[in-house]
Amino acid sequence: MVSMTQKTDRASATREAILTTAERLFAEHGVFAVSNRQISEAAGQGNNAAVGYHFGTKADLVRAIARRHGEETERLRAAMVKQVAGSDDVRDWVGCLVRPAVEHLENLGSPTWFARFGAQVMTDPALRGIMVEEALSAPSLHQIRVGLDRCLPDLPPEVRAERADMARQLMVHMVAERERALAEGTPTPRTSWHDAATGLIDALTGLWLAPVTNPEGGTSR
């Protein structure tokens, strides 16, 4: 007779198998190109309704994958924010955005899929709100935004918003591109995740501190 503990363990293992498989398939093919049936089969589940039974809708599954990685990333980020508290250096706060996510991927070993999964979801109008909502719920991100705002030059609101969009695009897609290259065994500009994070921090710091061209011509800081 199967005990309640065994049933719970079995259900937990099934959920983990589905999450891992869905993350990989979504990363490689896109979210809506992959059906629940394909996920169930690839996860070794005889019941094609397993995904819906354990997670509900596809949006619920996407949220579960995001949360699966969010807790550890937040732990790393909160520790880094504590180290740079009170800093007036833009680079310190940019580092708090970049390094925890990259360190989390490095700690997972190779191959990973979460960066590519995130890139796929962020380009999907129907689902990107989930990733944004999950990210903004992290307490450390609010602290980083406050710290970064304190250090930045007096940028026009439209320029600040534009650069925030640029920074988000660079973070999402550069990390995903490195993950893809590592999975495929193709060359990468940097030899390690740490060095890749350093390069990205350099670029983002330069982006935020770049001069602004005013409408009459010329630039200002």
Protein backbone atom coordinates (compact mmCIF):
# COMPACT_ATOMS: atom_id res chain seq x y z
CA MET A 1 0.00 0.00 0.00
CA VAL A 2 1.35 3.41 -0.93
CA SER A 3 1.67 5.74 2.07
CA MET A 4 0.71 9.41 2.09
CA THR A 5 4.40 10.34 2.30
CA GLN A 6 5.17 8.27 -0.79
CA LYS A 7 2.29 9.92 -2.66
CA THR A 8 3.54 13.36 -1.67
CA ASP A 9 7.09 12.53 -2.72
CA ARG A 10 5.87 11.12 -6.02
CA ALA A 11 3.79 14.23 -6.71
CA SER A 12 6.75 16.45 -5.85
CA ALA A 13 9.03 14.52 -8.19
CA THR A 14 6.44 14.76 -10.96
CA ARG A 15 6.15 18.52 -10.51
CA GLU A 16 9.94 18.92 -10.64
CA ALA A 17 10.16 16.80 -13.78
CA ILE A 18 7.47 18.88 -15.45
CA LEU A 19 9.07 22.18 -14.43
CA THR A 20 12.50 21.17 -15.70
CA THR A 21 11.14 19.82 -18.96
CA ALA A 22 8.86 22.80 -19.59
CA GLU A 23 11.68 25.25 -18.89
CA ARG A 24 13.92 23.50 -21.41
CA LEU A 25 11.28 23.19 -24.12
CA PHE A 26 10.07 26.76 -23.67
CA ALA A 27 13.67 28.01 -23.82
CA GLU A 28 14.45 26.11 -26.99
CA HIS A 29 11.19 26.48 -28.91
CA GLY A 30 9.13 29.29 -27.39
CA VAL A 31 6.23 29.07 -24.99
CA PHE A 32 3.26 28.77 -27.34
CA ALA A 33 5.07 26.46 -29.74
CA VAL A 34 5.08 23.80 -27.00
CA SER A 35 1.91 22.02 -25.92
CA ASN A 36 1.12 20.58 -22.51
CA ARG A 37 1.00 17.17 -24.18
CA GLN A 38 4.57 17.57 -25.44
CA ILE A 39 5.74 18.59 -21.98
CA SER A 40 4.02 15.62 -20.34
CA GLU A 41 5.50 13.16 -22.84
CA ALA A 42 9.02 14.63 -22.60
CA ALA A 43 8.78 14.56 -18.80
CA GLY A 44 7.97 10.86 -18.91
CA GLN A 45 4.36 11.24 -17.78
CA GLY A 46 1.91 8.72 -19.17
CA ASN A 47 -1.00 11.03 -18.42
CA ASN A 48 -1.13 13.84 -20.98
CA ALA A 49 -3.16 15.94 -18.54
CA ALA A 50 -0.36 15.92 -15.96
CA VAL A 51 0.70 19.51 -16.66
CA GLY A 52 -2.80 20.87 -16.23
CA TYR A 53 -3.39 18.74 -13.14
CA HIS A 54 -0.26 19.96 -11.34
CA PHE A 55 -0.07 23.57 -12.58
CA GLY A 56 -3.32 24.67 -14.21
CA THR A 57 -2.88 27.00 -17.18
CA LYS A 58 0.26 27.64 -19.20
CA ALA A 59 0.53 31.04 -17.54
CA ASP A 60 0.51 29.29 -14.14
CA LEU A 61 3.30 27.02 -15.35
CA VAL A 62 5.36 30.00 -16.53
CA ARG A 63 4.91 31.67 -13.14
CA ALA A 64 5.97 28.47 -11.33
CA ILE A 65 9.17 28.31 -13.38
CA ALA A 66 9.94 31.96 -12.64
CA ARG A 67 9.38 31.43 -8.91
CA ARG A 68 11.51 28.31 -8.95
CA HIS A 69 14.55 30.48 -9.69
CA GLY A 70 13.41 33.67 -8.02
CA GLU A 71 14.01 32.68 -4.41
CA GLU A 72 17.71 31.85 -4.84
CA THR A 73 18.34 34.87 -7.07
CA GLU A 74 16.71 37.11 -4.47
CA ARG A 75 18.89 35.63 -1.72
CA LEU A 76 22.04 36.40 -3.70
CA ARG A 77 20.80 39.85 -4.65
CA ALA A 78 19.79 40.80 -1.10
CA ALA A 79 23.27 39.86 0.17
CA MET A 80 24.92 42.01 -2.50
CA VAL A 81 22.59 44.96 -1.81
CA LYS A 82 23.57 44.77 1.85
CA GLN A 83 27.25 45.00 0.86
CA VAL A 84 26.82 48.16 -1.24
CA ALA A 85 24.24 49.92 0.94
CA GLY A 86 24.81 53.67 0.89
CA SER A 87 27.04 53.59 -2.20
CA ASP A 88 26.97 56.54 -4.61
CA ASP A 89 28.60 54.53 -7.40
CA VAL A 90 26.31 53.64 -10.31
CA ARG A 91 28.45 50.59 -11.04
CA ASP A 92 27.76 49.11 -7.60
CA TRP A 93 24.00 49.20 -8.14
CA VAL A 94 24.22 47.92 -11.70
CA GLY A 95 26.31 45.06 -10.34
CA CYS A 96 23.48 44.22 -7.94
CA LEU A 97 21.19 43.80 -10.94
CA VAL A 98 23.55 41.69 -13.02
CA ARG A 99 25.73 39.49 -10.83
CA PRO A 100 23.08 37.64 -8.76
CA ALA A 101 21.24 36.40 -11.86
CA VAL A 102 24.49 35.38 -13.54
CA GLU A 103 25.84 33.75 -10.38
CA HIS A 104 22.64 31.74 -10.03
CA LEU A 105 23.04 30.39 -13.57
CA GLU A 106 26.68 29.54 -12.91
CA ASN A 107 25.76 27.69 -9.72
CA LEU A 108 23.22 25.57 -11.64
CA GLY A 109 25.96 24.08 -13.80
CA SER A 110 25.68 23.44 -17.51
CA PRO A 111 23.47 23.32 -19.46
CA THR A 112 20.95 25.82 -18.13
CA TRP A 113 17.77 27.08 -19.76
CA PHE A 114 16.38 29.78 -17.49
CA ALA A 115 17.99 32.75 -19.26
CA ARG A 116 16.61 31.64 -22.63
CA PHE A 117 13.27 30.87 -21.03
CA GLY A 118 13.17 34.41 -19.65
CA ALA A 119 14.08 35.89 -23.04
CA GLN A 120 11.29 33.91 -24.71
CA VAL A 121 8.71 35.00 -22.15
CA MET A 122 9.77 38.66 -22.23
CA THR A 123 9.10 38.81 -25.96
CA ASP A 124 5.60 37.37 -25.53
CA PRO A 125 3.01 40.14 -24.93
CA ALA A 126 0.64 37.75 -23.20
CA LEU A 127 3.17 36.47 -20.69
CA ARG A 128 5.87 39.11 -20.15
CA GLY A 129 3.75 40.68 -17.41
CA ILE A 130 4.28 37.56 -15.32
CA MET A 131 8.07 37.91 -15.40
CA VAL A 132 7.85 41.63 -14.68
CA GLU A 133 5.42 41.09 -11.80
CA GLU A 134 7.56 38.35 -10.25
CA ALA A 135 10.69 40.50 -10.55
CA LEU A 136 9.08 43.59 -9.06
CA SER A 137 7.83 41.59 -6.08
CA ALA A 138 11.46 41.08 -4.96
CA PRO A 139 12.23 43.48 -2.06
CA SER A 140 15.88 43.91 -3.08
CA LEU A 141 14.92 45.28 -6.50
CA HIS A 142 13.15 48.20 -4.88
CA GLN A 143 16.31 48.96 -2.89
CA ILE A 144 18.39 48.79 -6.07
CA ARG A 145 16.08 51.18 -7.89
CA VAL A 146 16.31 53.68 -5.03
CA GLY A 147 20.09 53.36 -4.89
CA LEU A 148 20.50 53.67 -8.64
CA ASP A 149 18.18 56.68 -8.85
CA ARG A 150 20.23 58.43 -6.17
CA CYS A 151 23.44 57.98 -8.18
CA LEU A 152 22.26 58.78 -11.68
CA PRO A 153 22.73 62.19 -13.29
CA ASP A 154 19.67 64.41 -13.73
CA LEU A 155 18.24 62.73 -16.81
CA PRO A 156 15.04 63.86 -18.55
CA PRO A 157 12.19 61.47 -17.66
CA GLU A 158 11.88 60.18 -21.22
CA VAL A 159 15.62 59.46 -21.40
CA ARG A 160 15.56 57.67 -18.06
CA ALA A 161 12.65 55.49 -19.20
CA GLU A 162 14.34 54.80 -22.53
CA ARG A 163 17.59 53.76 -20.87
CA ALA A 164 15.75 51.55 -18.41
CA ASP A 165 14.24 49.71 -21.40
CA MET A 166 17.66 49.45 -23.05
CA ALA A 167 19.23 48.13 -19.86
CA ARG A 168 16.52 45.50 -19.44
CA GLN A 169 16.94 44.33 -23.04
CA LEU A 170 20.71 44.02 -22.66
CA MET A 171 20.45 42.09 -19.40
CA VAL A 172 17.83 39.67 -20.67
CA HIS A 173 19.20 38.95 -24.11
CA MET A 174 22.97 39.07 -23.56
CA VAL A 175 22.73 36.54 -20.73
CA ALA A 176 20.40 34.37 -22.82
CA GLU A 177 22.79 34.54 -25.77
CA ARG A 178 25.72 33.37 -23.64
CA GLU A 179 23.60 30.54 -22.22
CA ARG A 180 22.66 29.47 -25.76
CA ALA A 181 26.30 29.53 -26.91
CA LEU A 182 27.41 27.42 -23.95
CA ALA A 183 24.65 24.89 -24.59
CA GLU A 184 25.64 24.63 -28.25
CA GLY A 185 29.38 24.60 -27.57
CA THR A 186 30.07 27.71 -29.63
CA PRO A 187 32.66 30.37 -28.71
CA THR A 188 31.74 33.17 -26.29
CA PRO A 189 33.40 36.60 -25.96
CA ARG A 190 34.21 35.97 -22.29
CA THR A 191 35.59 32.77 -20.83
CA SER A 192 33.55 32.71 -17.62
CA TRP A 193 30.19 33.81 -16.29
CA HIS A 194 31.98 36.14 -13.88
CA ASP A 195 33.82 37.88 -16.70
CA ALA A 196 30.65 38.03 -18.80
CA ALA A 197 28.91 39.77 -15.90
CA THR A 198 31.79 42.24 -15.65
CA GLY A 199 31.48 43.11 -19.33
CA LEU A 200 27.74 43.58 -19.04
CA ILE A 201 28.14 45.78 -15.97
CA ASP A 202 30.68 47.92 -17.86
CA ALA A 203 28.27 48.36 -20.77
CA LEU A 204 25.25 49.14 -18.60
CA THR A 205 27.16 51.63 -16.47
CA GLY A 206 28.28 53.39 -19.63
CA LEU A 207 24.70 53.36 -20.90
CA TRP A 208 23.33 55.02 -17.79
CA LEU A 209 26.10 57.64 -17.66
CA ALA A 210 26.20 58.44 -21.38
CA PRO A 211 25.72 62.09 -22.34
CA VAL A 212 22.31 63.25 -23.52
CA THR A 213 21.87 65.10 -26.80
CA ASN A 214 19.59 68.10 -26.31
CA PRO A 215 17.06 69.17 -28.96
CA GLU A 216 19.14 72.23 -29.95
CA GLY A 217 22.21 70.12 -30.57
CA GLY A 218 25.16 69.43 -28.31
CA THR A 219 25.18 67.22 -25.26
CA SER A 220 24.69 67.49 -21.57
CA ARG A 221 25.27 65.19 -18.62
